[in-house]
Amino acid sequence: MDADDASFDAVVGDATLPVLVDVWAPWCGPCRMVSPIVEQMSRDFAGKLKVVKANSDESPRVSQRHGIQSIPTLLLYRNGAEQSRQIGALPAPQLRQWVAAQVG
């Protein structure tokens, strides 16, 4: 699922599950490395985690509101509030471990 400046609050804030937000851009090489890992986690954690992608070029207010200065940045929300964040491209096992620790 995608979120933009207009839909971010509704998509993330109204979620009943924890939400993983992938803030990325199409020109970002590390973002392209992380994207398939995030997509796999959306399948692996189905029913436990909602995954949302926010293109930082198309949604600059999302980045500004969250103080994002480097991409990819992964934000983990629970009950509409940011609980944790991960900046940069980490290997799949580390990203999975981070998400699993947050989701339970």
PDB file of N, CA and C in Angstrom:
ATOM      1  N   MET A   1       0.841  -1.175   0.000  1.00  0.00           N
ATOM      2  CA  MET A   1       0.000   0.000   0.000  1.00  0.00           C
ATOM      3  C   MET A   1       0.885   1.236   0.000  1.00  0.00           C
ATOM      4  N   ASP A   2       0.449   2.255  -0.684  1.00  0.00           N
ATOM      5  CA  ASP A   2       1.186   3.510  -0.744  1.00  0.00           C
ATOM      6  C   ASP A   2       0.496   4.561   0.119  1.00  0.00           C
ATOM      7  N   ALA A   3       1.302   5.475   0.624  1.00  0.00           N
ATOM      8  CA  ALA A   3       0.785   6.629   1.360  1.00  0.00           C
ATOM      9  C   ALA A   3       1.475   7.864   0.813  1.00  0.00           C
ATOM     10  N   ASP A   4       0.761   8.979   0.825  1.00  0.00           N
ATOM     11  CA  ASP A   4       1.343  10.240   0.381  1.00  0.00           C
ATOM     12  C   ASP A   4       1.018  11.319   1.406  1.00  0.00           C
ATOM     13  N   ASP A   5       1.364  12.557   1.063  1.00  0.00           N
ATOM     14  CA  ASP A   5       1.139  13.657   2.006  1.00  0.00           C
ATOM     15  C   ASP A   5      -0.316  13.728   2.462  1.00  0.00           C
ATOM     16  N   ALA A   6      -1.246  13.485   1.551  1.00  0.00           N
ATOM     17  CA  ALA A   6      -2.671  13.607   1.870  1.00  0.00           C
ATOM     18  C   ALA A   6      -3.215  12.415   2.649  1.00  0.00           C
ATOM     19  N   SER A   7      -2.711  11.224   2.373  1.00  0.00           N
ATOM     20  CA  SER A   7      -3.306  10.014   2.962  1.00  0.00           C
ATOM     21  C   SER A   7      -2.526   9.442   4.139  1.00  0.00           C
ATOM     22  N   PHE A   8      -1.347   9.964   4.426  1.00  0.00           N
ATOM     23  CA  PHE A   8      -0.476   9.343   5.423  1.00  0.00           C
ATOM     24  C   PHE A   8      -1.164   9.171   6.779  1.00  0.00           C
ATOM     25  N   ASP A   9      -1.767  10.227   7.293  1.00  0.00           N
ATOM     26  CA  ASP A   9      -2.373  10.150   8.628  1.00  0.00           C
ATOM     27  C   ASP A   9      -3.478   9.103   8.687  1.00  0.00           C
ATOM     28  N   ALA A  10      -4.288   9.024   7.663  1.00  0.00           N
ATOM     29  CA  ALA A  10      -5.371   8.043   7.649  1.00  0.00           C
ATOM     30  C   ALA A  10      -4.824   6.626   7.502  1.00  0.00           C
ATOM     31  N   VAL A  11      -3.886   6.440   6.602  1.00  0.00           N
ATOM     32  CA  VAL A  11      -3.340   5.104   6.345  1.00  0.00           C
ATOM     33  C   VAL A  11      -2.604   4.569   7.572  1.00  0.00           C
ATOM     34  N   VAL A  12      -1.829   5.423   8.224  1.00  0.00           N
ATOM     35  CA  VAL A  12      -1.023   4.985   9.366  1.00  0.00           C
ATOM     36  C   VAL A  12      -1.799   5.110  10.679  1.00  0.00           C
ATOM     37  N   GLY A  13      -2.447   6.233  10.874  1.00  0.00           N
ATOM     38  CA  GLY A  13      -3.110   6.493  12.148  1.00  0.00           C
ATOM     39  C   GLY A  13      -4.318   5.628  12.422  1.00  0.00           C
ATOM     40  N   ASP A  14      -5.029   5.222  11.370  1.00  0.00           N
ATOM     41  CA  ASP A  14      -6.236   4.427  11.556  1.00  0.00           C
ATOM     42  C   ASP A  14      -5.975   2.919  11.555  1.00  0.00           C
ATOM     43  N   ALA A  15      -4.727   2.520  11.412  1.00  0.00           N
ATOM     44  CA  ALA A  15      -4.406   1.092  11.321  1.00  0.00           C
ATOM     45  C   ALA A  15      -4.572   0.405  12.677  1.00  0.00           C
ATOM     46  N   THR A  16      -5.116  -0.792  12.639  1.00  0.00           N
ATOM     47  CA  THR A  16      -5.259  -1.578  13.865  1.00  0.00           C
ATOM     48  C   THR A  16      -4.030  -2.434  14.130  1.00  0.00           C
ATOM     49  N   LEU A  17      -3.223  -2.641  13.108  1.00  0.00           N
ATOM     50  CA  LEU A  17      -1.976  -3.396  13.243  1.00  0.00           C
ATOM     51  C   LEU A  17      -0.801  -2.426  13.324  1.00  0.00           C
ATOM     52  N   PRO A  18       0.359  -2.895  13.804  1.00  0.00           N
ATOM     53  CA  PRO A  18       1.564  -2.072  13.661  1.00  0.00           C
ATOM     54  C   PRO A  18       1.796  -1.793  12.173  1.00  0.00           C
ATOM     55  N   VAL A  19       2.371  -0.628  11.868  1.00  0.00           N
ATOM     56  CA  VAL A  19       2.582  -0.219  10.480  1.00  0.00           C
ATOM     57  C   VAL A  19       4.067   0.020  10.248  1.00  0.00           C
ATOM     58  N   LEU A  20       4.596  -0.616   9.210  1.00  0.00           N
ATOM     59  CA  LEU A  20       5.967  -0.379   8.768  1.00  0.00           C
ATOM     60  C   LEU A  20       5.901   0.541   7.558  1.00  0.00           C
ATOM     61  N   VAL A  21       6.497   1.729   7.669  1.00  0.00           N
ATOM     62  CA  VAL A  21       6.498   2.697   6.584  1.00  0.00           C
ATOM     63  C   VAL A  21       7.892   2.737   5.967  1.00  0.00           C
ATOM     64  N   ASP A  22       7.967   2.452   4.685  1.00  0.00           N
ATOM     65  CA  ASP A  22       9.213   2.504   3.934  1.00  0.00           C
ATOM     66  C   ASP A  22       9.246   3.828   3.181  1.00  0.00           C
ATOM     67  N   VAL A  23      10.094   4.765   3.628  1.00  0.00           N
ATOM     68  CA  VAL A  23      10.246   6.048   2.946  1.00  0.00           C
ATOM     69  C   VAL A  23      11.409   5.887   1.974  1.00  0.00           C
ATOM     70  N   TRP A  24      11.134   6.073   0.692  1.00  0.00           N
ATOM     71  CA  TRP A  24      12.073   5.727  -0.361  1.00  0.00           C
ATOM     72  C   TRP A  24      11.969   6.721  -1.512  1.00  0.00           C
ATOM     73  N   ALA A  25      12.817   6.540  -2.528  1.00  0.00           N
ATOM     74  CA  ALA A  25      12.726   7.296  -3.789  1.00  0.00           C
ATOM     75  C   ALA A  25      13.218   6.385  -4.910  1.00  0.00           C
ATOM     76  N   PRO A  26      12.680   6.557  -6.107  1.00  0.00           N
ATOM     77  CA  PRO A  26      13.048   5.672  -7.211  1.00  0.00           C
ATOM     78  C   PRO A  26      14.520   5.758  -7.622  1.00  0.00           C
ATOM     79  N   TRP A  27      15.169   6.884  -7.394  1.00  0.00           N
ATOM     80  CA  TRP A  27      16.567   7.064  -7.789  1.00  0.00           C
ATOM     81  C   TRP A  27      17.547   6.526  -6.753  1.00  0.00           C
ATOM     82  N   CYS A  28      17.069   6.091  -5.617  1.00  0.00           N
ATOM     83  CA  CYS A  28      17.902   5.688  -4.477  1.00  0.00           C
ATOM     84  C   CYS A  28      18.294   4.214  -4.588  1.00  0.00           C
ATOM     85  N   GLY A  29      19.570   3.954  -4.810  1.00  0.00           N
ATOM     86  CA  GLY A  29      20.062   2.577  -4.935  1.00  0.00           C
ATOM     87  C   GLY A  29      19.806   1.737  -3.691  1.00  0.00           C
ATOM     88  N   PRO A  30      20.165   2.219  -2.491  1.00  0.00           N
ATOM     89  CA  PRO A  30      19.887   1.436  -1.289  1.00  0.00           C
ATOM     90  C   PRO A  30      18.388   1.166  -1.089  1.00  0.00           C
ATOM     91  N   CYS A  31      17.540   2.110  -1.535  1.00  0.00           N
ATOM     92  CA  CYS A  31      16.086   1.897  -1.437  1.00  0.00           C
ATOM     93  C   CYS A  31      15.670   0.697  -2.280  1.00  0.00           C
ATOM     94  N   ARG A  32      16.269   0.591  -3.470  1.00  0.00           N
ATOM     95  CA  ARG A  32      15.949  -0.536  -4.353  1.00  0.00           C
ATOM     96  C   ARG A  32      16.438  -1.853  -3.758  1.00  0.00           C
ATOM     97  N   MET A  33      17.490  -1.810  -2.935  1.00  0.00           N
ATOM     98  CA  MET A  33      17.961  -3.022  -2.269  1.00  0.00           C
ATOM     99  C   MET A  33      17.013  -3.441  -1.143  1.00  0.00           C
ATOM    100  N   VAL A  34      16.467  -2.466  -0.439  1.00  0.00           N
ATOM    101  CA  VAL A  34      15.600  -2.739   0.710  1.00  0.00           C
ATOM    102  C   VAL A  34      14.181  -3.114   0.275  1.00  0.00           C
ATOM    103  N   SER A  35      13.721  -2.584  -0.834  1.00  0.00           N
ATOM    104  CA  SER A  35      12.339  -2.770  -1.266  1.00  0.00           C
ATOM    105  C   SER A  35      11.894  -4.234  -1.330  1.00  0.00           C
ATOM    106  N   PRO A  36      12.653  -5.134  -1.961  1.00  0.00           N
ATOM    107  CA  PRO A  36      12.189  -6.526  -1.991  1.00  0.00           C
ATOM    108  C   PRO A  36      12.162  -7.182  -0.608  1.00  0.00           C
ATOM    109  N   ILE A  37      13.029  -6.736   0.280  1.00  0.00           N
ATOM    110  CA  ILE A  37      13.035  -7.265   1.652  1.00  0.00           C
ATOM    111  C   ILE A  37      11.758  -6.822   2.359  1.00  0.00           C
ATOM    112  N   VAL A  38      11.396  -5.552   2.195  1.00  0.00           N
ATOM    113  CA  VAL A  38      10.176  -5.021   2.812  1.00  0.00           C
ATOM    114  C   VAL A  38       8.955  -5.740   2.250  1.00  0.00           C
ATOM    115  N   GLU A  39       8.941  -5.951   0.942  1.00  0.00           N
ATOM    116  CA  GLU A  39       7.811  -6.649   0.321  1.00  0.00           C
ATOM    117  C   GLU A  39       7.703  -8.083   0.834  1.00  0.00           C
ATOM    118  N   GLN A  40       8.817  -8.753   1.026  1.00  0.00           N
ATOM    119  CA  GLN A  40       8.790 -10.118   1.568  1.00  0.00           C
ATOM    120  C   GLN A  40       8.285 -10.112   3.011  1.00  0.00           C
ATOM    121  N   MET A  41       8.700  -9.116   3.789  1.00  0.00           N
ATOM    122  CA  MET A  41       8.230  -9.035   5.176  1.00  0.00           C
ATOM    123  C   MET A  41       6.731  -8.786   5.233  1.00  0.00           C
ATOM    124  N   SER A  42       6.185  -8.065   4.245  1.00  0.00           N
ATOM    125  CA  SER A  42       4.736  -7.847   4.246  1.00  0.00           C
ATOM    126  C   SER A  42       4.004  -9.173   4.091  1.00  0.00           C
ATOM    127  N   ARG A  43       4.591 -10.089   3.336  1.00  0.00           N
ATOM    128  CA  ARG A  43       3.985 -11.422   3.196  1.00  0.00           C
ATOM    129  C   ARG A  43       4.249 -12.277   4.436  1.00  0.00           C
ATOM    130  N   ASP A  44       5.474 -12.228   4.938  1.00  0.00           N
ATOM    131  CA  ASP A  44       5.850 -13.053   6.093  1.00  0.00           C
ATOM    132  C   ASP A  44       5.098 -12.660   7.360  1.00  0.00           C
ATOM    133  N   PHE A  45       4.817 -11.373   7.516  1.00  0.00           N
ATOM    134  CA  PHE A  45       4.130 -10.883   8.718  1.00  0.00           C
ATOM    135  C   PHE A  45       2.670 -10.538   8.433  1.00  0.00           C
ATOM    136  N   ALA A  46       2.102 -11.132   7.401  1.00  0.00           N
ATOM    137  CA  ALA A  46       0.706 -10.875   7.046  1.00  0.00           C
ATOM    138  C   ALA A  46      -0.189 -11.147   8.257  1.00  0.00           C
ATOM    139  N   GLY A  47      -1.105 -10.226   8.521  1.00  0.00           N
ATOM    140  CA  GLY A  47      -2.001 -10.352   9.659  1.00  0.00           C
ATOM    141  C   GLY A  47      -1.413  -9.804  10.947  1.00  0.00           C
ATOM    142  N   LYS A  48      -0.109  -9.503  10.951  1.00  0.00           N
ATOM    143  CA  LYS A  48       0.549  -8.949  12.139  1.00  0.00           C
ATOM    144  C   LYS A  48       1.120  -7.557  11.888  1.00  0.00           C
ATOM    145  N   LEU A  49       1.275  -7.204  10.594  1.00  0.00           N
ATOM    146  CA  LEU A  49       1.953  -5.975  10.227  1.00  0.00           C
ATOM    147  C   LEU A  49       1.359  -5.433   8.933  1.00  0.00           C
ATOM    148  N   LYS A  50       1.154  -4.130   8.906  1.00  0.00           N
ATOM    149  CA  LYS A  50       0.735  -3.455   7.683  1.00  0.00           C
ATOM    150  C   LYS A  50       1.964  -2.746   7.120  1.00  0.00           C
ATOM    151  N   VAL A  51       2.224  -2.926   5.833  1.00  0.00           N
ATOM    152  CA  VAL A  51       3.387  -2.302   5.191  1.00  0.00           C
ATOM    153  C   VAL A  51       2.917  -1.214   4.234  1.00  0.00           C
ATOM    154  N   VAL A  52       3.539  -0.044   4.356  1.00  0.00           N
ATOM    155  CA  VAL A  52       3.171   1.123   3.567  1.00  0.00           C
ATOM    156  C   VAL A  52       4.449   1.720   2.982  1.00  0.00           C
ATOM    157  N   LYS A  53       4.375   2.134   1.722  1.00  0.00           N
ATOM    158  CA  LYS A  53       5.507   2.791   1.071  1.00  0.00           C
ATOM    159  C   LYS A  53       5.159   4.255   0.830  1.00  0.00           C
ATOM    160  N   ALA A  54       6.123   5.146   1.117  1.00  0.00           N
ATOM    161  CA  ALA A  54       5.937   6.577   0.888  1.00  0.00           C
ATOM    162  C   ALA A  54       7.110   7.081   0.057  1.00  0.00           C
ATOM    163  N   ASN A  55       6.818   7.534  -1.159  1.00  0.00           N
ATOM    164  CA  ASN A  55       7.835   8.061  -2.059  1.00  0.00           C
ATOM    165  C   ASN A  55       8.201   9.478  -1.586  1.00  0.00           C
ATOM    166  N   SER A  56       9.441   9.660  -1.156  1.00  0.00           N
ATOM    167  CA  SER A  56       9.845  10.949  -0.588  1.00  0.00           C
ATOM    168  C   SER A  56       9.838  12.076  -1.621  1.00  0.00           C
ATOM    169  N   ASP A  57      10.020  11.752  -2.900  1.00  0.00           N
ATOM    170  CA  ASP A  57       9.972  12.786  -3.943  1.00  0.00           C
ATOM    171  C   ASP A  57       8.546  13.283  -4.160  1.00  0.00           C
ATOM    172  N   GLU A  58       7.587  12.373  -4.119  1.00  0.00           N
ATOM    173  CA  GLU A  58       6.193  12.726  -4.368  1.00  0.00           C
ATOM    174  C   GLU A  58       5.479  13.208  -3.110  1.00  0.00           C
ATOM    175  N   SER A  59       6.045  12.914  -1.945  1.00  0.00           N
ATOM    176  CA  SER A  59       5.409  13.271  -0.668  1.00  0.00           C
ATOM    177  C   SER A  59       6.428  13.933   0.259  1.00  0.00           C
ATOM    178  N   PRO A  60       6.894  15.117  -0.092  1.00  0.00           N
ATOM    179  CA  PRO A  60       7.944  15.753   0.714  1.00  0.00           C
ATOM    180  C   PRO A  60       7.509  16.093   2.137  1.00  0.00           C
ATOM    181  N   ARG A  61       6.224  16.328   2.363  1.00  0.00           N
ATOM    182  CA  ARG A  61       5.779  16.655   3.730  1.00  0.00           C
ATOM    183  C   ARG A  61       5.920  15.467   4.670  1.00  0.00           C
ATOM    184  N   VAL A  62       5.780  14.253   4.150  1.00  0.00           N
ATOM    185  CA  VAL A  62       5.984  13.068   4.994  1.00  0.00           C
ATOM    186  C   VAL A  62       7.410  13.090   5.535  1.00  0.00           C
ATOM    187  N   SER A  63       8.367  13.336   4.653  1.00  0.00           N
ATOM    188  CA  SER A  63       9.772  13.394   5.075  1.00  0.00           C
ATOM    189  C   SER A  63      10.022  14.551   6.033  1.00  0.00           C
ATOM    190  N   GLN A  64       9.473  15.711   5.728  1.00  0.00           N
ATOM    191  CA  GLN A  64       9.680  16.889   6.573  1.00  0.00           C
ATOM    192  C   GLN A  64       9.098  16.677   7.965  1.00  0.00           C
ATOM    193  N   ARG A  65       7.880  16.164   8.035  1.00  0.00           N
ATOM    194  CA  ARG A  65       7.207  15.962   9.332  1.00  0.00           C
ATOM    195  C   ARG A  65       7.957  14.992  10.228  1.00  0.00           C
ATOM    196  N   HIS A  66       8.648  14.042   9.606  1.00  0.00           N
ATOM    197  CA  HIS A  66       9.325  13.009  10.385  1.00  0.00           C
ATOM    198  C   HIS A  66      10.828  13.224  10.478  1.00  0.00           C
ATOM    199  N   GLY A  67      11.305  14.362  10.009  1.00  0.00           N
ATOM    200  CA  GLY A  67      12.718  14.684  10.119  1.00  0.00           C
ATOM    201  C   GLY A  67      13.622  13.714   9.375  1.00  0.00           C
ATOM    202  N   ILE A  68      13.142  13.207   8.256  1.00  0.00           N
ATOM    203  CA  ILE A  68      13.913  12.230   7.500  1.00  0.00           C
ATOM    204  C   ILE A  68      14.931  12.958   6.637  1.00  0.00           C
ATOM    205  N   GLN A  69      16.203  12.629   6.851  1.00  0.00           N
ATOM    206  CA  GLN A  69      17.269  13.259   6.099  1.00  0.00           C
ATOM    207  C   GLN A  69      17.997  12.267   5.199  1.00  0.00           C
ATOM    208  N   SER A  70      17.820  10.984   5.438  1.00  0.00           N
ATOM    209  CA  SER A  70      18.446   9.941   4.627  1.00  0.00           C
ATOM    210  C   SER A  70      17.406   8.892   4.294  1.00  0.00           C
ATOM    211  N   ILE A  71      17.510   8.347   3.088  1.00  0.00           N
ATOM    212  CA  ILE A  71      16.622   7.260   2.697  1.00  0.00           C
ATOM    213  C   ILE A  71      17.480   6.091   2.241  1.00  0.00           C
ATOM    214  N   PRO A  72      17.012   4.897   2.380  1.00  0.00           N
ATOM    215  CA  PRO A  72      15.708   4.545   2.920  1.00  0.00           C
ATOM    216  C   PRO A  72      15.649   4.737   4.436  1.00  0.00           C
ATOM    217  N   THR A  73      14.482   5.118   4.893  1.00  0.00           N
ATOM    218  CA  THR A  73      14.182   5.144   6.321  1.00  0.00           C
ATOM    219  C   THR A  73      12.931   4.313   6.524  1.00  0.00           C
ATOM    220  N   LEU A  74      13.006   3.404   7.469  1.00  0.00           N
ATOM    221  CA  LEU A  74      11.852   2.578   7.829  1.00  0.00           C
ATOM    222  C   LEU A  74      11.336   3.071   9.168  1.00  0.00           C
ATOM    223  N   LEU A  75      10.049   3.386   9.206  1.00  0.00           N
ATOM    224  CA  LEU A  75       9.396   3.853  10.433  1.00  0.00           C
ATOM    225  C   LEU A  75       8.423   2.777  10.889  1.00  0.00           C
ATOM    226  N   LEU A  76       8.431   2.466  12.161  1.00  0.00           N
ATOM    227  CA  LEU A  76       7.470   1.510  12.681  1.00  0.00           C
ATOM    228  C   LEU A  76       6.517   2.238  13.617  1.00  0.00           C
ATOM    229  N   TYR A  77       5.239   2.176  13.278  1.00  0.00           N
ATOM    230  CA  TYR A  77       4.189   2.841  14.052  1.00  0.00           C
ATOM    231  C   TYR A  77       3.339   1.805  14.772  1.00  0.00           C
ATOM    232  N   ARG A  78       2.922   2.169  15.970  1.00  0.00           N
ATOM    233  CA  ARG A  78       1.955   1.373  16.720  1.00  0.00           C
ATOM    234  C   ARG A  78       0.965   2.354  17.322  1.00  0.00           C
ATOM    235  N   ASN A  79      -0.317   2.100  17.103  1.00  0.00           N
ATOM    236  CA  ASN A  79      -1.388   2.978  17.606  1.00  0.00           C
ATOM    237  C   ASN A  79      -1.204   4.422  17.137  1.00  0.00           C
ATOM    238  N   GLY A  80      -0.764   4.595  15.897  1.00  0.00           N
ATOM    239  CA  GLY A  80      -0.642   5.918  15.313  1.00  0.00           C
ATOM    240  C   GLY A  80       0.582   6.708  15.713  1.00  0.00           C
ATOM    241  N   ALA A  81       1.457   6.147  16.540  1.00  0.00           N
ATOM    242  CA  ALA A  81       2.653   6.860  16.991  1.00  0.00           C
ATOM    243  C   ALA A  81       3.910   6.101  16.577  1.00  0.00           C
ATOM    244  N   GLU A  82       4.933   6.854  16.203  1.00  0.00           N
ATOM    245  CA  GLU A  82       6.195   6.211  15.831  1.00  0.00           C
ATOM    246  C   GLU A  82       6.793   5.510  17.044  1.00  0.00           C
ATOM    247  N   GLN A  83       7.134   4.258  16.861  1.00  0.00           N
ATOM    248  CA  GLN A  83       7.708   3.459  17.937  1.00  0.00           C
ATOM    249  C   GLN A  83       9.206   3.254  17.732  1.00  0.00           C
ATOM    250  N   SER A  84       9.622   3.150  16.463  1.00  0.00           N
ATOM    251  CA  SER A  84      11.023   2.877  16.174  1.00  0.00           C
ATOM    252  C   SER A  84      11.316   3.278  14.738  1.00  0.00           C
ATOM    253  N   ARG A  85      12.604   3.466  14.433  1.00  0.00           N
ATOM    254  CA  ARG A  85      13.000   3.751  13.051  1.00  0.00           C
ATOM    255  C   ARG A  85      14.344   3.119  12.764  1.00  0.00           C
ATOM    256  N   GLN A  86      14.530   2.818  11.495  1.00  0.00           N
ATOM    257  CA  GLN A  86      15.773   2.222  11.001  1.00  0.00           C
ATOM    258  C   GLN A  86      16.180   3.016   9.766  1.00  0.00           C
ATOM    259  N   ILE A  87      17.404   3.531   9.768  1.00  0.00           N
ATOM    260  CA  ILE A  87      17.874   4.358   8.660  1.00  0.00           C
ATOM    261  C   ILE A  87      18.939   3.590   7.890  1.00  0.00           C
ATOM    262  N   GLY A  88      18.796   3.587   6.577  1.00  0.00           N
ATOM    263  CA  GLY A  88      19.784   2.941   5.722  1.00  0.00           C
ATOM    264  C   GLY A  88      19.388   1.528   5.348  1.00  0.00           C
ATOM    265  N   ALA A  89      20.179   0.974   4.445  1.00  0.00           N
ATOM    266  CA  ALA A  89      19.914  -0.373   3.933  1.00  0.00           C
ATOM    267  C   ALA A  89      20.649  -1.398   4.790  1.00  0.00           C
ATOM    268  N   LEU A  90      19.904  -2.140   5.554  1.00  0.00           N
ATOM    269  CA  LEU A  90      20.477  -3.227   6.348  1.00  0.00           C
ATOM    270  C   LEU A  90      20.235  -4.544   5.633  1.00  0.00           C
ATOM    271  N   PRO A  91      21.053  -5.549   5.906  1.00  0.00           N
ATOM    272  CA  PRO A  91      20.804  -6.875   5.332  1.00  0.00           C
ATOM    273  C   PRO A  91      19.463  -7.431   5.810  1.00  0.00           C
ATOM    274  N   ALA A  92      18.891  -8.308   4.998  1.00  0.00           N
ATOM    275  CA  ALA A  92      17.572  -8.880   5.289  1.00  0.00           C
ATOM    276  C   ALA A  92      17.473  -9.468   6.696  1.00  0.00           C
ATOM    277  N   PRO A  93      18.440 -10.266   7.165  1.00  0.00           N
ATOM    278  CA  PRO A  93      18.282 -10.842   8.510  1.00  0.00           C
ATOM    279  C   PRO A  93      18.167  -9.782   9.606  1.00  0.00           C
ATOM    280  N   GLN A  94      18.927  -8.698   9.483  1.00  0.00           N
ATOM    281  CA  GLN A  94      18.860  -7.642  10.498  1.00  0.00           C
ATOM    282  C   GLN A  94      17.526  -6.898  10.442  1.00  0.00           C
ATOM    283  N   LEU A  95      17.038  -6.621   9.240  1.00  0.00           N
ATOM    284  CA  LEU A  95      15.739  -5.945   9.129  1.00  0.00           C
ATOM    285  C   LEU A  95      14.617  -6.824   9.670  1.00  0.00           C
ATOM    286  N   ARG A  96      14.673  -8.104   9.344  1.00  0.00           N
ATOM    287  CA  ARG A  96      13.647  -9.029   9.844  1.00  0.00           C
ATOM    288  C   ARG A  96      13.686  -9.099  11.374  1.00  0.00           C
ATOM    289  N   GLN A  97      14.866  -9.139  11.932  1.00  0.00           N
ATOM    290  CA  GLN A  97      15.009  -9.208  13.391  1.00  0.00           C
ATOM    291  C   GLN A  97      14.457  -7.940  14.034  1.00  0.00           C
ATOM    292  N   TRP A  98      14.735  -6.787  13.433  1.00  0.00           N
ATOM    293  CA  TRP A  98      14.220  -5.512  13.957  1.00  0.00           C
ATOM    294  C   TRP A  98      12.696  -5.502  13.922  1.00  0.00           C
ATOM    295  N   VAL A  99      12.121  -5.901  12.802  1.00  0.00           N
ATOM    296  CA  VAL A  99      10.650  -5.911  12.680  1.00  0.00           C
ATOM    297  C   VAL A  99      10.050  -6.920  13.655  1.00  0.00           C
ATOM    298  N   ALA A 100      10.618  -8.105  13.720  1.00  0.00           N
ATOM    299  CA  ALA A 100      10.089  -9.141  14.616  1.00  0.00           C
ATOM    300  C   ALA A 100      10.113  -8.683  16.067  1.00  0.00           C
ATOM    301  N   ALA A 101      11.155  -7.965  16.459  1.00  0.00           N
ATOM    302  CA  ALA A 101      11.246  -7.468  17.839  1.00  0.00           C
ATOM    303  C   ALA A 101      10.160  -6.423  18.119  1.00  0.00           C
ATOM    304  N   GLN A 102       9.772  -5.658  17.099  1.00  0.00           N
ATOM    305  CA  GLN A 102       8.753  -4.635  17.273  1.00  0.00           C
ATOM    306  C   GLN A 102       7.341  -5.203  17.230  1.00  0.00           C
ATOM    307  N   VAL A 103       7.151  -6.207  16.387  1.00  0.00           N
ATOM    308  CA  VAL A 103       5.812  -6.742  16.160  1.00  0.00           C
ATOM    309  C   VAL A 103       5.468  -7.815  17.184  1.00  0.00           C
ATOM    310  N   GLY A 104       6.460  -8.559  17.580  1.00  0.00           N
ATOM    311  CA  GLY A 104       6.239  -9.623  18.572  1.00  0.00           C
ATOM    312  C   GLY A 104       5.951 -10.965  17.961  1.00  0.00           C
TER     313      GLY A 104
END
